[in-house]
Amino acid sequence: MVKHLLFDCDGVLIDTEIVAAEVVSGWLQSIGVKIDIETFIREYTGKTFTDIIQILQVKGEISATLDLTEAVPKLDAIIRDNQRPIDGVWDMLNSLTIPRSVVSNSAKDYVELALTKLSITDHFEGRVFSADMVKKGKPSPEVYLFALKTLSLSAENVLVIEDSVAGVTSAAAAGLNVIGFLGGSHVRDGLGDVLAKAGAKQLAYDHKDLAQKIREALE
């Protein structure tokens, strides 16, 4: 029986995956990486900035000695300034009575700021789990396993809502039931099929649809 919901943040609650894609792909282009926004969305949505840089370094597209001390805070600030809710998120959350938490690849302070800006902090009662709380972020299952342990929940008692391949892969690897969410501005044709292949058992196309699927899971 489902007793708890675990929501990803970016792309599920806040519509910043598209902002991150625009900002980070633009910066990568400025340092000589040949990448466009569609490629970034397809290959890197849901991954931490650190993982993206490491992948590109392994590919030889970024120098292993690249100094990121100035770039990261600037990129982070731009993305933070453009946080906005995904349509219908308040109605969806207000319709729920089941306890819920946030499990994100973003830093904990970033998530907490987003929840405050959206005026939805109370919905999660301070329960925020982030990649900076574990050794490895999504697609590793570590952050979900950490959330389960902290909340004293078993896998069959949890339902996860994720919008990215990295997120779905992470939750599925932790043995969790996942709804793939397709309501963000970054969503492109075919993402639903990709999320299903990664382990999503159902797909929700907007927050109204998501609320309905959550209610059905609780019956």
N, C-alpha and C. Protein backbone atom coordinates (compact mmCIF):
# COMPACT_ATOMS: atom_id res chain seq x y z
N MET A 1 0.84 -1.20 0.00
CA MET A 1 0.00 0.00 0.00
C MET A 1 0.87 1.25 0.00
N VAL A 2 0.52 2.23 -0.82
CA VAL A 2 1.29 3.46 -0.90
C VAL A 2 1.01 4.33 0.32
N LYS A 3 2.08 4.69 1.04
CA LYS A 3 1.97 5.52 2.23
C LYS A 3 2.66 6.86 2.09
N HIS A 4 3.48 7.01 1.04
CA HIS A 4 4.30 8.21 0.92
C HIS A 4 4.62 8.47 -0.55
N LEU A 5 4.66 9.76 -0.92
CA LEU A 5 5.02 10.16 -2.28
C LEU A 5 6.39 10.82 -2.26
N LEU A 6 7.20 10.50 -3.26
CA LEU A 6 8.51 11.13 -3.42
C LEU A 6 8.53 11.87 -4.75
N PHE A 7 8.60 13.19 -4.68
CA PHE A 7 8.59 14.03 -5.87
C PHE A 7 10.00 14.50 -6.22
N ASP A 8 10.37 14.37 -7.50
CA ASP A 8 11.52 15.12 -7.99
C ASP A 8 11.13 16.59 -7.96
N CYS A 9 12.10 17.48 -8.06
CA CYS A 9 11.81 18.92 -8.00
C CYS A 9 11.80 19.55 -9.40
N ASP A 10 12.98 19.70 -10.00
CA ASP A 10 13.09 20.33 -11.32
C ASP A 10 12.38 19.48 -12.37
N GLY A 11 11.45 20.10 -13.07
CA GLY A 11 10.73 19.39 -14.12
C GLY A 11 9.47 18.71 -13.66
N VAL A 12 9.26 18.66 -12.35
CA VAL A 12 8.04 18.09 -11.78
C VAL A 12 7.28 19.15 -10.99
N LEU A 13 7.97 19.83 -10.09
CA LEU A 13 7.35 20.89 -9.31
C LEU A 13 7.65 22.26 -9.90
N ILE A 14 8.90 22.47 -10.29
CA ILE A 14 9.29 23.75 -10.88
C ILE A 14 9.76 23.55 -12.31
N ASP A 15 9.45 24.53 -13.15
CA ASP A 15 9.69 24.40 -14.58
C ASP A 15 11.05 24.98 -14.96
N THR A 16 12.11 24.42 -14.39
CA THR A 16 13.44 24.97 -14.63
C THR A 16 14.36 24.08 -15.45
N GLU A 17 13.91 22.88 -15.82
CA GLU A 17 14.78 22.04 -16.66
C GLU A 17 15.08 22.73 -17.98
N ILE A 18 14.09 23.42 -18.54
CA ILE A 18 14.31 24.12 -19.80
C ILE A 18 15.26 25.30 -19.59
N VAL A 19 15.13 25.97 -18.44
CA VAL A 19 16.03 27.08 -18.11
C VAL A 19 17.46 26.57 -17.97
N ALA A 20 17.62 25.47 -17.23
CA ALA A 20 18.95 24.87 -17.03
C ALA A 20 19.55 24.46 -18.37
N ALA A 21 18.72 23.88 -19.24
CA ALA A 21 19.21 23.46 -20.55
C ALA A 21 19.71 24.65 -21.36
N GLU A 22 18.95 25.73 -21.34
CA GLU A 22 19.34 26.94 -22.09
C GLU A 22 20.62 27.54 -21.52
N VAL A 23 20.67 27.66 -20.20
CA VAL A 23 21.79 28.33 -19.55
C VAL A 23 23.07 27.50 -19.67
N VAL A 24 22.99 26.22 -19.33
CA VAL A 24 24.21 25.39 -19.30
C VAL A 24 24.69 25.08 -20.71
N SER A 25 23.78 24.79 -21.65
CA SER A 25 24.22 24.52 -23.03
C SER A 25 24.86 25.76 -23.63
N GLY A 26 24.32 26.95 -23.31
CA GLY A 26 24.92 28.19 -23.80
C GLY A 26 26.31 28.40 -23.26
N TRP A 27 26.50 28.09 -21.96
CA TRP A 27 27.83 28.22 -21.37
C TRP A 27 28.80 27.21 -21.98
N LEU A 28 28.35 25.98 -22.19
CA LEU A 28 29.21 24.96 -22.81
C LEU A 28 29.64 25.39 -24.20
N GLN A 29 28.73 25.97 -24.95
CA GLN A 29 29.08 26.48 -26.28
C GLN A 29 30.15 27.56 -26.18
N SER A 30 30.04 28.39 -25.12
CA SER A 30 30.99 29.51 -24.98
C SER A 30 32.41 29.04 -24.67
N ILE A 31 32.55 27.80 -24.16
CA ILE A 31 33.90 27.28 -23.89
C ILE A 31 34.32 26.26 -24.94
N GLY A 32 33.58 26.22 -26.05
CA GLY A 32 34.00 25.42 -27.19
C GLY A 32 33.37 24.05 -27.37
N VAL A 33 32.41 23.69 -26.50
CA VAL A 33 31.73 22.40 -26.65
C VAL A 33 30.66 22.52 -27.73
N LYS A 34 30.67 21.58 -28.66
CA LYS A 34 29.68 21.59 -29.74
C LYS A 34 28.42 20.88 -29.27
N ILE A 35 27.47 21.67 -28.80
CA ILE A 35 26.23 21.11 -28.27
C ILE A 35 25.11 22.11 -28.48
N ASP A 36 23.93 21.61 -28.81
CA ASP A 36 22.77 22.49 -28.91
C ASP A 36 21.79 22.13 -27.80
N ILE A 37 20.77 22.94 -27.65
CA ILE A 37 19.85 22.76 -26.53
C ILE A 37 19.08 21.44 -26.61
N GLU A 38 18.73 21.01 -27.84
CA GLU A 38 18.00 19.76 -27.97
C GLU A 38 18.86 18.57 -27.55
N THR A 39 20.14 18.60 -27.90
CA THR A 39 21.05 17.53 -27.49
C THR A 39 21.21 17.53 -25.97
N PHE A 40 21.32 18.72 -25.40
CA PHE A 40 21.47 18.81 -23.95
C PHE A 40 20.24 18.23 -23.25
N ILE A 41 19.05 18.61 -23.73
CA ILE A 41 17.83 18.10 -23.11
C ILE A 41 17.78 16.58 -23.20
N ARG A 42 18.12 16.05 -24.37
CA ARG A 42 18.03 14.61 -24.59
C ARG A 42 19.05 13.82 -23.76
N GLU A 43 20.27 14.34 -23.63
CA GLU A 43 21.34 13.56 -23.02
C GLU A 43 21.65 13.90 -21.56
N TYR A 44 21.29 15.12 -21.12
CA TYR A 44 21.77 15.54 -19.81
C TYR A 44 20.68 15.98 -18.83
N THR A 45 19.43 16.06 -19.26
CA THR A 45 18.37 16.45 -18.33
C THR A 45 18.32 15.49 -17.14
N GLY A 46 18.27 16.07 -15.94
CA GLY A 46 18.19 15.27 -14.72
C GLY A 46 19.51 14.93 -14.09
N LYS A 47 20.61 15.14 -14.82
CA LYS A 47 21.95 14.85 -14.28
C LYS A 47 22.48 16.06 -13.52
N THR A 48 23.35 15.81 -12.54
CA THR A 48 23.98 16.91 -11.82
C THR A 48 24.98 17.60 -12.74
N PHE A 49 25.27 18.86 -12.41
CA PHE A 49 26.26 19.61 -13.19
C PHE A 49 27.62 18.91 -13.13
N THR A 50 27.97 18.40 -11.97
CA THR A 50 29.24 17.68 -11.81
C THR A 50 29.32 16.48 -12.73
N ASP A 51 28.24 15.70 -12.80
CA ASP A 51 28.22 14.53 -13.67
C ASP A 51 28.33 14.92 -15.14
N ILE A 52 27.64 16.00 -15.52
CA ILE A 52 27.70 16.47 -16.91
C ILE A 52 29.13 16.83 -17.28
N ILE A 53 29.80 17.58 -16.41
CA ILE A 53 31.18 17.97 -16.67
C ILE A 53 32.08 16.74 -16.76
N GLN A 54 31.89 15.79 -15.86
CA GLN A 54 32.72 14.58 -15.88
C GLN A 54 32.52 13.78 -17.16
N ILE A 55 31.27 13.68 -17.62
CA ILE A 55 30.98 12.97 -18.86
C ILE A 55 31.70 13.63 -20.03
N LEU A 56 31.62 14.96 -20.09
CA LEU A 56 32.26 15.70 -21.19
C LEU A 56 33.78 15.63 -21.09
N GLN A 57 34.31 15.56 -19.88
CA GLN A 57 35.76 15.41 -19.72
C GLN A 57 36.22 14.04 -20.20
N VAL A 58 35.45 13.00 -19.89
CA VAL A 58 35.78 11.65 -20.36
C VAL A 58 35.74 11.60 -21.89
N LYS A 59 34.79 12.32 -22.47
CA LYS A 59 34.69 12.38 -23.93
C LYS A 59 35.80 13.23 -24.56
N GLY A 60 36.53 13.96 -23.72
CA GLY A 60 37.60 14.82 -24.23
C GLY A 60 37.11 16.15 -24.76
N GLU A 61 35.86 16.51 -24.45
CA GLU A 61 35.30 17.77 -24.95
C GLU A 61 35.55 18.93 -24.01
N ILE A 62 35.94 18.62 -22.77
CA ILE A 62 36.29 19.64 -21.77
C ILE A 62 37.60 19.22 -21.12
N SER A 63 38.48 20.19 -20.90
CA SER A 63 39.75 19.90 -20.24
C SER A 63 39.53 19.43 -18.81
N ALA A 64 40.33 18.46 -18.40
CA ALA A 64 40.24 17.95 -17.04
C ALA A 64 40.69 18.99 -16.02
N THR A 65 41.39 20.03 -16.47
CA THR A 65 41.90 21.06 -15.57
C THR A 65 41.04 22.33 -15.60
N LEU A 66 39.89 22.26 -16.24
CA LEU A 66 39.01 23.43 -16.34
C LEU A 66 38.61 23.93 -14.95
N ASP A 67 38.80 25.23 -14.71
CA ASP A 67 38.44 25.83 -13.43
C ASP A 67 36.98 26.28 -13.47
N LEU A 68 36.16 25.69 -12.59
CA LEU A 68 34.73 25.96 -12.59
C LEU A 68 34.30 26.85 -11.43
N THR A 69 35.26 27.38 -10.68
CA THR A 69 34.92 28.12 -9.46
C THR A 69 34.08 29.37 -9.73
N GLU A 70 34.28 30.01 -10.86
CA GLU A 70 33.49 31.20 -11.18
C GLU A 70 32.22 30.84 -11.94
N ALA A 71 32.32 29.88 -12.84
CA ALA A 71 31.19 29.55 -13.71
C ALA A 71 30.01 28.97 -12.95
N VAL A 72 30.26 28.05 -12.03
CA VAL A 72 29.17 27.35 -11.34
C VAL A 72 28.25 28.30 -10.58
N PRO A 73 28.80 29.19 -9.74
CA PRO A 73 27.90 30.12 -9.02
C PRO A 73 27.10 31.02 -9.96
N LYS A 74 27.69 31.45 -11.06
CA LYS A 74 26.98 32.32 -12.01
C LYS A 74 25.83 31.57 -12.68
N LEU A 75 26.11 30.36 -13.14
CA LEU A 75 25.07 29.55 -13.78
C LEU A 75 23.96 29.23 -12.79
N ASP A 76 24.36 28.88 -11.59
CA ASP A 76 23.39 28.53 -10.55
C ASP A 76 22.48 29.72 -10.24
N ALA A 77 23.06 30.91 -10.17
CA ALA A 77 22.28 32.12 -9.85
C ALA A 77 21.25 32.42 -10.94
N ILE A 78 21.64 32.25 -12.19
CA ILE A 78 20.71 32.50 -13.30
C ILE A 78 19.53 31.53 -13.23
N ILE A 79 19.83 30.27 -12.99
CA ILE A 79 18.77 29.26 -12.92
C ILE A 79 17.85 29.53 -11.72
N ARG A 80 18.44 29.87 -10.58
CA ARG A 80 17.64 30.18 -9.39
C ARG A 80 16.70 31.36 -9.64
N ASP A 81 17.20 32.37 -10.35
CA ASP A 81 16.40 33.57 -10.60
C ASP A 81 15.23 33.30 -11.53
N ASN A 82 15.27 32.18 -12.22
CA ASN A 82 14.22 31.86 -13.20
C ASN A 82 13.33 30.70 -12.76
N GLN A 83 13.34 30.41 -11.45
CA GLN A 83 12.46 29.36 -10.94
C GLN A 83 11.00 29.79 -11.09
N ARG A 84 10.19 28.89 -11.61
CA ARG A 84 8.76 29.15 -11.75
C ARG A 84 8.00 27.84 -11.64
N PRO A 85 6.76 27.89 -11.18
CA PRO A 85 6.01 26.65 -11.00
C PRO A 85 5.55 26.05 -12.32
N ILE A 86 5.40 24.75 -12.35
CA ILE A 86 4.75 24.10 -13.49
C ILE A 86 3.23 24.25 -13.31
N ASP A 87 2.55 24.55 -14.37
CA ASP A 87 1.10 24.78 -14.32
C ASP A 87 0.38 23.66 -13.58
N GLY A 88 -0.47 24.04 -12.64
CA GLY A 88 -1.30 23.08 -11.94
C GLY A 88 -0.69 22.46 -10.70
N VAL A 89 0.55 22.86 -10.36
CA VAL A 89 1.23 22.20 -9.25
C VAL A 89 0.52 22.45 -7.92
N TRP A 90 0.00 23.67 -7.69
CA TRP A 90 -0.68 23.96 -6.42
C TRP A 90 -1.95 23.12 -6.27
N ASP A 91 -2.75 23.07 -7.33
CA ASP A 91 -3.99 22.28 -7.26
C ASP A 91 -3.69 20.81 -7.03
N MET A 92 -2.65 20.31 -7.69
CA MET A 92 -2.28 18.91 -7.53
C MET A 92 -1.89 18.63 -6.08
N LEU A 93 -1.01 19.44 -5.51
CA LEU A 93 -0.56 19.22 -4.14
C LEU A 93 -1.70 19.41 -3.14
N ASN A 94 -2.54 20.40 -3.38
CA ASN A 94 -3.66 20.65 -2.47
C ASN A 94 -4.68 19.52 -2.47
N SER A 95 -4.70 18.73 -3.55
CA SER A 95 -5.66 17.63 -3.64
C SER A 95 -5.21 16.40 -2.88
N LEU A 96 -3.98 16.39 -2.40
CA LEU A 96 -3.41 15.21 -1.75
C LEU A 96 -3.51 15.28 -0.24
N THR A 97 -3.69 14.13 0.37
CA THR A 97 -3.69 14.05 1.84
C THR A 97 -2.54 13.16 2.34
N ILE A 98 -1.90 12.44 1.45
CA ILE A 98 -0.82 11.53 1.80
C ILE A 98 0.48 12.29 2.04
N PRO A 99 1.31 11.88 3.00
CA PRO A 99 2.60 12.53 3.23
C PRO A 99 3.49 12.47 1.99
N ARG A 100 4.36 13.46 1.86
CA ARG A 100 5.21 13.52 0.67
C ARG A 100 6.54 14.18 0.98
N SER A 101 7.55 13.88 0.17
CA SER A 101 8.88 14.44 0.30
C SER A 101 9.42 14.80 -1.08
N VAL A 102 10.52 15.54 -1.10
CA VAL A 102 11.20 15.88 -2.35
C VAL A 102 12.53 15.13 -2.40
N VAL A 103 12.81 14.51 -3.54
CA VAL A 103 14.09 13.82 -3.76
C VAL A 103 14.67 14.38 -5.05
N SER A 104 15.76 15.14 -4.93
CA SER A 104 16.25 15.92 -6.07
C SER A 104 17.74 15.74 -6.30
N ASN A 105 18.16 15.96 -7.53
CA ASN A 105 19.58 16.00 -7.85
C ASN A 105 20.17 17.38 -7.59
N SER A 106 19.31 18.37 -7.36
CA SER A 106 19.77 19.72 -7.06
C SER A 106 20.21 19.81 -5.60
N ALA A 107 20.99 20.86 -5.29
CA ALA A 107 21.45 21.06 -3.91
C ALA A 107 20.26 21.33 -2.99
N LYS A 108 20.39 20.94 -1.74
CA LYS A 108 19.30 21.06 -0.78
C LYS A 108 18.84 22.51 -0.63
N ASP A 109 19.78 23.47 -0.56
CA ASP A 109 19.38 24.87 -0.38
C ASP A 109 18.64 25.40 -1.60
N TYR A 110 19.01 24.91 -2.78
CA TYR A 110 18.31 25.30 -4.02
C TYR A 110 16.87 24.81 -3.98
N VAL A 111 16.67 23.56 -3.58
CA VAL A 111 15.33 22.99 -3.51
C VAL A 111 14.49 23.73 -2.47
N GLU A 112 15.07 23.98 -1.32
CA GLU A 112 14.34 24.69 -0.27
C GLU A 112 13.94 26.09 -0.71
N LEU A 113 14.82 26.77 -1.44
CA LEU A 113 14.49 28.09 -1.97
C LEU A 113 13.34 28.00 -2.97
N ALA A 114 13.39 26.99 -3.84
CA ALA A 114 12.33 26.81 -4.83
C ALA A 114 10.98 26.56 -4.15
N LEU A 115 10.97 25.71 -3.14
CA LEU A 115 9.72 25.42 -2.43
C LEU A 115 9.17 26.67 -1.74
N THR A 116 10.08 27.48 -1.21
CA THR A 116 9.66 28.73 -0.57
C THR A 116 9.08 29.70 -1.59
N LYS A 117 9.76 29.84 -2.73
CA LYS A 117 9.28 30.75 -3.78
C LYS A 117 7.90 30.33 -4.29
N LEU A 118 7.68 29.04 -4.36
CA LEU A 118 6.40 28.53 -4.85
C LEU A 118 5.33 28.48 -3.77
N SER A 119 5.71 28.79 -2.54
CA SER A 119 4.80 28.74 -1.39
C SER A 119 4.22 27.34 -1.19
N ILE A 120 5.08 26.33 -1.35
CA ILE A 120 4.62 24.95 -1.15
C ILE A 120 5.48 24.21 -0.12
N THR A 121 6.28 24.95 0.64
CA THR A 121 7.15 24.33 1.64
C THR A 121 6.37 23.46 2.61
N ASP A 122 5.21 23.96 3.05
CA ASP A 122 4.42 23.23 4.06
C ASP A 122 3.96 21.86 3.58
N HIS A 123 3.84 21.70 2.27
CA HIS A 123 3.39 20.41 1.74
C HIS A 123 4.38 19.29 2.05
N PHE A 124 5.65 19.65 2.24
CA PHE A 124 6.69 18.63 2.41
C PHE A 124 7.26 18.59 3.82
N GLU A 125 6.85 19.53 4.66
CA GLU A 125 7.21 19.53 6.09
C GLU A 125 8.72 19.35 6.32
N GLY A 126 9.51 19.99 5.46
CA GLY A 126 10.96 19.95 5.63
C GLY A 126 11.63 18.70 5.12
N ARG A 127 10.88 17.82 4.50
CA ARG A 127 11.48 16.55 4.03
C ARG A 127 12.04 16.76 2.61
N VAL A 128 13.34 17.08 2.57
CA VAL A 128 14.04 17.29 1.30
C VAL A 128 15.30 16.44 1.28
N PHE A 129 15.42 15.61 0.26
CA PHE A 129 16.60 14.75 0.08
C PHE A 129 17.27 15.15 -1.24
N SER A 130 18.57 15.36 -1.20
CA SER A 130 19.26 15.87 -2.39
C SER A 130 20.55 15.11 -2.66
N ALA A 131 21.06 15.31 -3.87
CA ALA A 131 22.27 14.60 -4.29
C ALA A 131 23.47 14.96 -3.43
N ASP A 132 23.48 16.16 -2.85
CA ASP A 132 24.62 16.54 -2.02
C ASP A 132 24.59 15.89 -0.63
N MET A 133 23.60 15.04 -0.40
CA MET A 133 23.50 14.31 0.87
C MET A 133 24.02 12.88 0.74
N VAL A 134 24.38 12.48 -0.48
CA VAL A 134 24.89 11.13 -0.74
C VAL A 134 26.15 11.22 -1.59
N LYS A 135 26.82 10.10 -1.77
CA LYS A 135 28.07 10.10 -2.54
C LYS A 135 27.82 10.30 -4.03
N LYS A 136 26.72 9.77 -4.54
CA LYS A 136 26.45 9.82 -5.98
C LYS A 136 24.99 10.15 -6.22
N GLY A 137 24.75 11.13 -7.09
CA GLY A 137 23.38 11.51 -7.41
C GLY A 137 22.74 10.59 -8.44
N LYS A 138 21.52 10.91 -8.82
CA LYS A 138 20.83 10.15 -9.87
C LYS A 138 21.67 10.20 -11.15
N PRO A 139 21.76 9.10 -11.91
CA PRO A 139 20.92 7.90 -11.92
C PRO A 139 21.26 6.82 -10.90
N SER A 140 22.26 7.06 -10.05
CA SER A 140 22.49 6.12 -8.95
C SER A 140 21.26 6.10 -8.05
N PRO A 141 20.93 4.96 -7.46
CA PRO A 141 19.77 4.88 -6.57
C PRO A 141 20.03 5.41 -5.17
N GLU A 142 21.24 5.88 -4.90
CA GLU A 142 21.64 6.22 -3.53
C GLU A 142 20.70 7.20 -2.84
N VAL A 143 20.30 8.26 -3.53
CA VAL A 143 19.49 9.29 -2.88
C VAL A 143 18.10 8.75 -2.53
N TYR A 144 17.55 7.87 -3.37
CA TYR A 144 16.26 7.26 -3.04
C TYR A 144 16.39 6.26 -1.90
N LEU A 145 17.45 5.49 -1.89
CA LEU A 145 17.67 4.54 -0.80
C LEU A 145 17.88 5.29 0.52
N PHE A 146 18.56 6.42 0.45
CA PHE A 146 18.76 7.25 1.64
C PHE A 146 17.43 7.79 2.15
N ALA A 147 16.57 8.22 1.24
CA ALA A 147 15.25 8.72 1.63
C ALA A 147 14.43 7.62 2.29
N LEU A 148 14.43 6.43 1.71
CA LEU A 148 13.69 5.32 2.29
C LEU A 148 14.17 5.01 3.71
N LYS A 149 15.49 4.97 3.87
CA LYS A 149 16.05 4.66 5.19
C LYS A 149 15.69 5.73 6.21
N THR A 150 15.81 6.98 5.80
CA THR A 150 15.53 8.09 6.72
C THR A 150 14.06 8.13 7.12
N LEU A 151 13.19 7.83 6.16
CA LEU A 151 11.75 7.87 6.41
C LEU A 151 11.21 6.57 6.99
N SER A 152 12.07 5.56 7.10
CA SER A 152 11.68 4.24 7.62
C SER A 152 10.54 3.65 6.79
N LEU A 153 10.71 3.69 5.47
CA LEU A 153 9.71 3.17 4.54
C LEU A 153 10.29 2.04 3.71
N SER A 154 9.44 1.11 3.31
CA SER A 154 9.85 0.06 2.39
C SER A 154 9.41 0.45 0.99
N ALA A 155 10.02 -0.17 0.00
CA ALA A 155 9.79 0.21 -1.40
C ALA A 155 8.32 0.14 -1.80
N GLU A 156 7.60 -0.87 -1.31
CA GLU A 156 6.20 -1.05 -1.72
C GLU A 156 5.28 0.02 -1.13
N ASN A 157 5.78 0.81 -0.19
CA ASN A 157 4.98 1.87 0.43
C ASN A 157 5.18 3.23 -0.22
N VAL A 158 5.94 3.27 -1.32
CA VAL A 158 6.34 4.56 -1.91
C VAL A 158 5.96 4.63 -3.38
N LEU A 159 5.54 5.82 -3.80
CA LEU A 159 5.30 6.12 -5.21
C LEU A 159 6.13 7.34 -5.57
N VAL A 160 6.88 7.24 -6.67
CA VAL A 160 7.81 8.29 -7.10
C VAL A 160 7.28 8.99 -8.35
N ILE A 161 7.50 10.31 -8.42
CA ILE A 161 7.17 11.07 -9.62
C ILE A 161 8.44 11.70 -10.15
N GLU A 162 8.82 11.30 -11.37
CA GLU A 162 10.07 11.75 -11.99
C GLU A 162 9.82 12.16 -13.44
N ASP A 163 10.68 13.06 -13.95
CA ASP A 163 10.51 13.54 -15.32
C ASP A 163 11.68 13.24 -16.23
N SER A 164 12.76 12.67 -15.70
CA SER A 164 13.96 12.46 -16.51
C SER A 164 14.39 11.00 -16.50
N VAL A 165 15.18 10.64 -17.47
CA VAL A 165 15.73 9.27 -17.54
C VAL A 165 16.59 9.00 -16.31
N ALA A 166 17.42 9.97 -15.94
CA ALA A 166 18.28 9.80 -14.77
C ALA A 166 17.45 9.55 -13.52
N GLY A 167 16.36 10.32 -13.37
CA GLY A 167 15.52 10.18 -12.19
C GLY A 167 14.76 8.87 -12.16
N VAL A 168 14.16 8.51 -13.29
CA VAL A 168 13.42 7.24 -13.36
C VAL A 168 14.36 6.07 -13.13
N THR A 169 15.53 6.11 -13.75
CA THR A 169 16.52 5.05 -13.58
C THR A 169 16.91 4.90 -12.12
N SER A 170 17.12 6.03 -11.45
CA SER A 170 17.49 6.03 -10.04
C SER A 170 16.42 5.38 -9.18
N ALA A 171 15.17 5.81 -9.37
CA ALA A 171 14.08 5.28 -8.55
C ALA A 171 13.82 3.81 -8.84
N ALA A 172 13.85 3.45 -10.11
CA ALA A 172 13.62 2.06 -10.49
C ALA A 172 14.71 1.14 -9.92
N ALA A 173 15.95 1.63 -9.93
CA ALA A 173 17.06 0.84 -9.38
C ALA A 173 16.92 0.65 -7.88
N ALA A 174 16.20 1.56 -7.23
CA ALA A 174 15.93 1.43 -5.79
C ALA A 174 14.71 0.56 -5.53
N GLY A 175 14.12 0.01 -6.60
CA GLY A 175 12.98 -0.88 -6.46
C GLY A 175 11.65 -0.18 -6.28
N LEU A 176 11.56 1.08 -6.71
CA LEU A 176 10.38 1.89 -6.47
C LEU A 176 9.46 1.97 -7.69
N ASN A 177 8.19 2.14 -7.44
CA ASN A 177 7.19 2.34 -8.49
C ASN A 177 7.24 3.80 -8.93
N VAL A 178 7.36 4.05 -10.24
CA VAL A 178 7.58 5.40 -10.74
C VAL A 178 6.51 5.81 -11.75
N ILE A 179 6.00 7.04 -11.58
CA ILE A 179 5.18 7.68 -12.60
C ILE A 179 6.07 8.67 -13.34
N GLY A 180 6.15 8.55 -14.65
CA GLY A 180 6.90 9.49 -15.46
C GLY A 180 6.05 10.72 -15.74
N PHE A 181 6.56 11.89 -15.40
CA PHE A 181 5.80 13.13 -15.56
C PHE A 181 6.24 13.87 -16.82
N LEU A 182 5.27 14.24 -17.65
CA LEU A 182 5.56 14.85 -18.95
C LEU A 182 4.96 16.25 -19.07
N GLY A 183 4.87 16.97 -17.95
CA GLY A 183 4.21 18.27 -17.97
C GLY A 183 5.13 19.47 -18.00
N GLY A 184 6.45 19.26 -18.07
CA GLY A 184 7.39 20.38 -18.06
C GLY A 184 7.66 20.92 -19.46
N SER A 185 8.15 22.17 -19.54
CA SER A 185 8.42 22.80 -20.83
C SER A 185 9.56 22.14 -21.59
N HIS A 186 10.39 21.37 -20.90
CA HIS A 186 11.53 20.72 -21.55
C HIS A 186 11.14 19.41 -22.24
N VAL A 187 9.91 18.95 -22.04
CA VAL A 187 9.50 17.65 -22.57
C VAL A 187 9.42 17.69 -24.09
N ARG A 188 9.99 16.71 -24.74
CA ARG A 188 9.98 16.59 -26.19
C ARG A 188 9.28 15.28 -26.59
N ASP A 189 8.85 15.22 -27.85
CA ASP A 189 8.20 14.01 -28.35
C ASP A 189 9.10 12.79 -28.13
N GLY A 190 8.50 11.73 -27.67
CA GLY A 190 9.25 10.49 -27.47
C GLY A 190 9.75 10.29 -26.07
N LEU A 191 9.69 11.34 -25.22
CA LEU A 191 10.21 11.19 -23.87
C LEU A 191 9.42 10.15 -23.08
N GLY A 192 8.12 10.09 -23.30
CA GLY A 192 7.31 9.10 -22.59
C GLY A 192 7.80 7.69 -22.83
N ASP A 193 8.10 7.35 -24.07
CA ASP A 193 8.60 6.02 -24.40
C ASP A 193 9.95 5.77 -23.73
N VAL A 194 10.78 6.80 -23.71
CA VAL A 194 12.10 6.66 -23.10
C VAL A 194 11.98 6.45 -21.59
N LEU A 195 11.08 7.19 -20.95
CA LEU A 195 10.89 7.01 -19.50
C LEU A 195 10.31 5.64 -19.18
N ALA A 196 9.40 5.16 -20.05
CA ALA A 196 8.83 3.83 -19.85
C ALA A 196 9.92 2.76 -19.94
N LYS A 197 10.83 2.91 -20.89
CA LYS A 197 11.92 1.96 -21.04
C LYS A 197 12.87 2.01 -19.84
N ALA A 198 12.98 3.20 -19.24
CA ALA A 198 13.86 3.37 -18.08
C ALA A 198 13.25 2.80 -16.81
N GLY A 199 11.92 2.54 -16.83
CA GLY A 199 11.29 1.92 -15.67
C GLY A 199 10.02 2.56 -15.16
N ALA A 200 9.54 3.63 -15.82
CA ALA A 200 8.29 4.25 -15.38
C ALA A 200 7.12 3.32 -15.70
N LYS A 201 6.28 3.05 -14.70
CA LYS A 201 5.14 2.14 -14.89
C LYS A 201 3.94 2.85 -15.49
N GLN A 202 3.84 4.16 -15.26
CA GLN A 202 2.75 4.96 -15.80
C GLN A 202 3.32 6.29 -16.26
N LEU A 203 2.54 7.03 -17.06
CA LEU A 203 2.92 8.37 -17.51
C LEU A 203 1.80 9.33 -17.16
N ALA A 204 2.17 10.53 -16.74
CA ALA A 204 1.20 11.60 -16.46
C ALA A 204 1.57 12.79 -17.32
N TYR A 205 0.59 13.34 -18.02
CA TYR A 205 0.87 14.37 -19.02
C TYR A 205 0.75 15.80 -18.50
N ASP A 206 0.16 15.98 -17.35
CA ASP A 206 0.11 17.28 -16.68
C ASP A 206 -0.25 17.01 -15.22
N HIS A 207 -0.37 18.08 -14.42
CA HIS A 207 -0.60 17.86 -12.99
C HIS A 207 -2.01 17.37 -12.69
N LYS A 208 -2.97 17.72 -13.52
CA LYS A 208 -4.32 17.18 -13.32
C LYS A 208 -4.32 15.67 -13.53
N ASP A 209 -3.65 15.24 -14.58
CA ASP A 209 -3.52 13.81 -14.87
C ASP A 209 -2.74 13.11 -13.76
N LEU A 210 -1.69 13.77 -13.27
CA LEU A 210 -0.88 13.19 -12.19
C LEU A 210 -1.72 13.00 -10.93
N ALA A 211 -2.50 14.02 -10.57
CA ALA A 211 -3.34 13.91 -9.37
C ALA A 211 -4.29 12.73 -9.47
N GLN A 212 -4.86 12.52 -10.66
CA GLN A 212 -5.77 11.40 -10.86
C GLN A 212 -5.06 10.06 -10.71
N LYS A 213 -3.86 9.95 -11.27
CA LYS A 213 -3.11 8.70 -11.19
C LYS A 213 -2.67 8.41 -9.77
N ILE A 214 -2.35 9.44 -9.02
CA ILE A 214 -1.99 9.25 -7.62
C ILE A 214 -3.21 8.75 -6.84
N ARG A 215 -4.36 9.36 -7.07
CA ARG A 215 -5.58 8.91 -6.38
C ARG A 215 -5.88 7.44 -6.69
N GLU A 216 -5.70 7.06 -7.94
CA GLU A 216 -5.94 5.66 -8.34
C GLU A 216 -4.96 4.73 -7.63
N ALA A 217 -3.72 5.16 -7.44
CA ALA A 217 -2.71 4.33 -6.78
C ALA A 217 -3.03 4.15 -5.30
N LEU A 218 -3.77 5.08 -4.73
CA LEU A 218 -4.09 5.02 -3.31
C LEU A 218 -5.34 4.22 -3.03
N GLU A 219 -6.10 3.86 -4.06
CA GLU A 219 -7.36 3.13 -3.87
C GLU A 219 -7.10 1.67 -3.49
